[in-house]
Amino acid sequence: MHFKEKSCIKCEEGCKLCEYDEKGNNLCTSCSRGYALNSDKKCVQCEEGCSSCEFDEKGNSICLECNDYSGHEYVLSLNKTC
């Protein structure tokens, strides 16, 4: 949630903390687990099996940590995918 003009406004999906720019656009400053912040200040869901990721300078998703949500065991490979 973000406080704006004495009211709370919900951040976009996957966004843990957000703020508004001078044009009133909702910008994420921190993402929830399983999401990564892209260059547009939007939280994008990590690839399947990945619980923590980030974006490189080309905008490619890089997995940092794998999860086990689906009952399958994931292992982080050398090319940073689960």
C-alpha atoms as a PDB file:
ATOM      1  CA  MET A   1       0.000   0.000   0.000  1.00  0.00           C
ATOM      2  CA  HIS A   2       1.070   3.539  -0.655  1.00  0.00           C
ATOM      3  CA  PHE A   3      -0.230   6.625   1.132  1.00  0.00           C
ATOM      4  CA  LYS A   4      -1.294   9.365  -1.305  1.00  0.00           C
ATOM      5  CA  GLU A   5      -3.351  12.439  -0.531  1.00  0.00           C
ATOM      6  CA  LYS A   6      -4.475  11.030   2.836  1.00  0.00           C
ATOM      7  CA  SER A   7      -5.689   7.739   1.381  1.00  0.00           C
ATOM      8  CA  CYS A   8      -4.068   4.338   0.895  1.00  0.00           C
ATOM      9  CA  ILE A   9      -3.740   3.094  -2.655  1.00  0.00           C
ATOM     10  CA  LYS A  10      -2.852  -0.513  -3.440  1.00  0.00           C
ATOM     11  CA  CYS A  11       0.434  -1.114  -5.255  1.00  0.00           C
ATOM     12  CA  GLU A  12       0.371  -3.176  -8.462  1.00  0.00           C
ATOM     13  CA  GLU A  13       0.544  -6.989  -8.285  1.00  0.00           C
ATOM     14  CA  GLY A  14       3.943  -8.256  -7.198  1.00  0.00           C
ATOM     15  CA  CYS A  15       4.922  -4.856  -5.846  1.00  0.00           C
ATOM     16  CA  LYS A  16       5.835  -4.773  -2.158  1.00  0.00           C
ATOM     17  CA  LEU A  17       6.453  -1.010  -1.905  1.00  0.00           C
ATOM     18  CA  CYS A  18       5.504   1.708  -4.364  1.00  0.00           C
ATOM     19  CA  GLU A  19       5.422   5.456  -4.870  1.00  0.00           C
ATOM     20  CA  TYR A  20       4.008   7.897  -7.378  1.00  0.00           C
ATOM     21  CA  ASP A  21       5.981  10.064  -9.777  1.00  0.00           C
ATOM     22  CA  GLU A  22       5.088  13.664 -10.665  1.00  0.00           C
ATOM     23  CA  LYS A  23       2.692  12.402 -13.375  1.00  0.00           C
ATOM     24  CA  GLY A  24       0.810  10.166 -10.923  1.00  0.00           C
ATOM     25  CA  ASN A  25       2.238   6.888 -12.251  1.00  0.00           C
ATOM     26  CA  ASN A  26       2.501   4.025  -9.777  1.00  0.00           C
ATOM     27  CA  LEU A  27       6.191   3.017  -9.557  1.00  0.00           C
ATOM     28  CA  CYS A  28       7.460   0.042  -7.603  1.00  0.00           C
ATOM     29  CA  THR A  29      10.483   0.475  -5.397  1.00  0.00           C
ATOM     30  CA  SER A  30      10.540  -3.080  -4.014  1.00  0.00           C
ATOM     31  CA  CYS A  31       9.032  -6.362  -5.229  1.00  0.00           C
ATOM     32  CA  SER A  32       7.441  -9.298  -3.434  1.00  0.00           C
ATOM     33  CA  ARG A  33       9.196 -12.680  -3.375  1.00  0.00           C
ATOM     34  CA  GLY A  34       9.068 -14.305  -6.818  1.00  0.00           C
ATOM     35  CA  TYR A  35       9.100 -10.957  -8.654  1.00  0.00           C
ATOM     36  CA  ALA A  36      11.891  -8.696  -9.912  1.00  0.00           C
ATOM     37  CA  LEU A  37      11.989  -4.973 -10.618  1.00  0.00           C
ATOM     38  CA  ASN A  38      12.517  -4.134 -14.295  1.00  0.00           C
ATOM     39  CA  SER A  39      13.830  -0.895 -15.817  1.00  0.00           C
ATOM     40  CA  ASP A  40      10.265   0.482 -16.068  1.00  0.00           C
ATOM     41  CA  LYS A  41       9.860   0.213 -12.269  1.00  0.00           C
ATOM     42  CA  LYS A  42       7.372  -2.654 -12.676  1.00  0.00           C
ATOM     43  CA  CYS A  43       7.565  -5.967 -10.833  1.00  0.00           C
ATOM     44  CA  VAL A  44       7.661  -8.908 -13.237  1.00  0.00           C
ATOM     45  CA  GLN A  45       7.124 -12.482 -12.091  1.00  0.00           C
ATOM     46  CA  CYS A  46      10.211 -14.704 -12.113  1.00  0.00           C
ATOM     47  CA  GLU A  47      10.282 -17.730 -14.408  1.00  0.00           C
ATOM     48  CA  GLU A  48       8.669 -20.964 -13.253  1.00  0.00           C
ATOM     49  CA  GLY A  49      10.558 -22.586 -10.402  1.00  0.00           C
ATOM     50  CA  CYS A  50      12.443 -19.398  -9.552  1.00  0.00           C
ATOM     51  CA  SER A  51      11.730 -17.664  -6.236  1.00  0.00           C
ATOM     52  CA  SER A  52      14.252 -14.843  -6.585  1.00  0.00           C
ATOM     53  CA  CYS A  53      15.446 -13.176  -9.794  1.00  0.00           C
ATOM     54  CA  GLU A  54      16.803  -9.946 -11.256  1.00  0.00           C
ATOM     55  CA  PHE A  55      17.158  -8.381 -14.686  1.00  0.00           C
ATOM     56  CA  ASP A  56      20.443  -7.812 -16.497  1.00  0.00           C
ATOM     57  CA  GLU A  57      21.252  -4.691 -18.537  1.00  0.00           C
ATOM     58  CA  LYS A  58      19.612  -6.258 -21.622  1.00  0.00           C
ATOM     59  CA  GLY A  59      16.355  -6.922 -19.756  1.00  0.00           C
ATOM     60  CA  ASN A  60      16.858 -10.685 -19.451  1.00  0.00           C
ATOM     61  CA  SER A  61      15.625 -12.395 -16.296  1.00  0.00           C
ATOM     62  CA  ILE A  62      18.356 -14.070 -14.238  1.00  0.00           C
ATOM     63  CA  CYS A  63      17.292 -16.558 -11.589  1.00  0.00           C
ATOM     64  CA  LEU A  64      19.077 -16.238  -8.243  1.00  0.00           C
ATOM     65  CA  GLU A  65      17.236 -18.880  -6.216  1.00  0.00           C
ATOM     66  CA  CYS A  66      14.978 -21.833  -7.046  1.00  0.00           C
ATOM     67  CA  ASN A  67      11.851 -22.910  -5.160  1.00  0.00           C
ATOM     68  CA  ASP A  68       9.780 -26.033  -4.718  1.00  0.00           C
ATOM     69  CA  TYR A  69       6.192 -24.677  -4.951  1.00  0.00           C
ATOM     70  CA  SER A  70       4.918 -27.246  -7.439  1.00  0.00           C
ATOM     71  CA  GLY A  71       6.192 -30.321  -5.622  1.00  0.00           C
ATOM     72  CA  HIS A  72       9.120 -30.618  -8.030  1.00  0.00           C
ATOM     73  CA  GLU A  73      12.690 -30.144  -6.945  1.00  0.00           C
ATOM     74  CA  TYR A  74      14.480 -27.348  -8.810  1.00  0.00           C
ATOM     75  CA  VAL A  75      18.215 -26.757  -8.977  1.00  0.00           C
ATOM     76  CA  LEU A  76      19.878 -23.575 -10.205  1.00  0.00           C
ATOM     77  CA  SER A  77      21.789 -24.413 -13.395  1.00  0.00           C
ATOM     78  CA  LEU A  78      24.990 -22.803 -14.666  1.00  0.00           C
ATOM     79  CA  ASN A  79      22.985 -20.576 -17.037  1.00  0.00           C
ATOM     80  CA  LYS A  80      20.956 -19.270 -14.040  1.00  0.00           C
ATOM     81  CA  THR A  81      17.677 -21.082 -14.736  1.00  0.00           C
ATOM     82  CA  CYS A  82      15.787 -23.606 -12.604  1.00  0.00           C
END
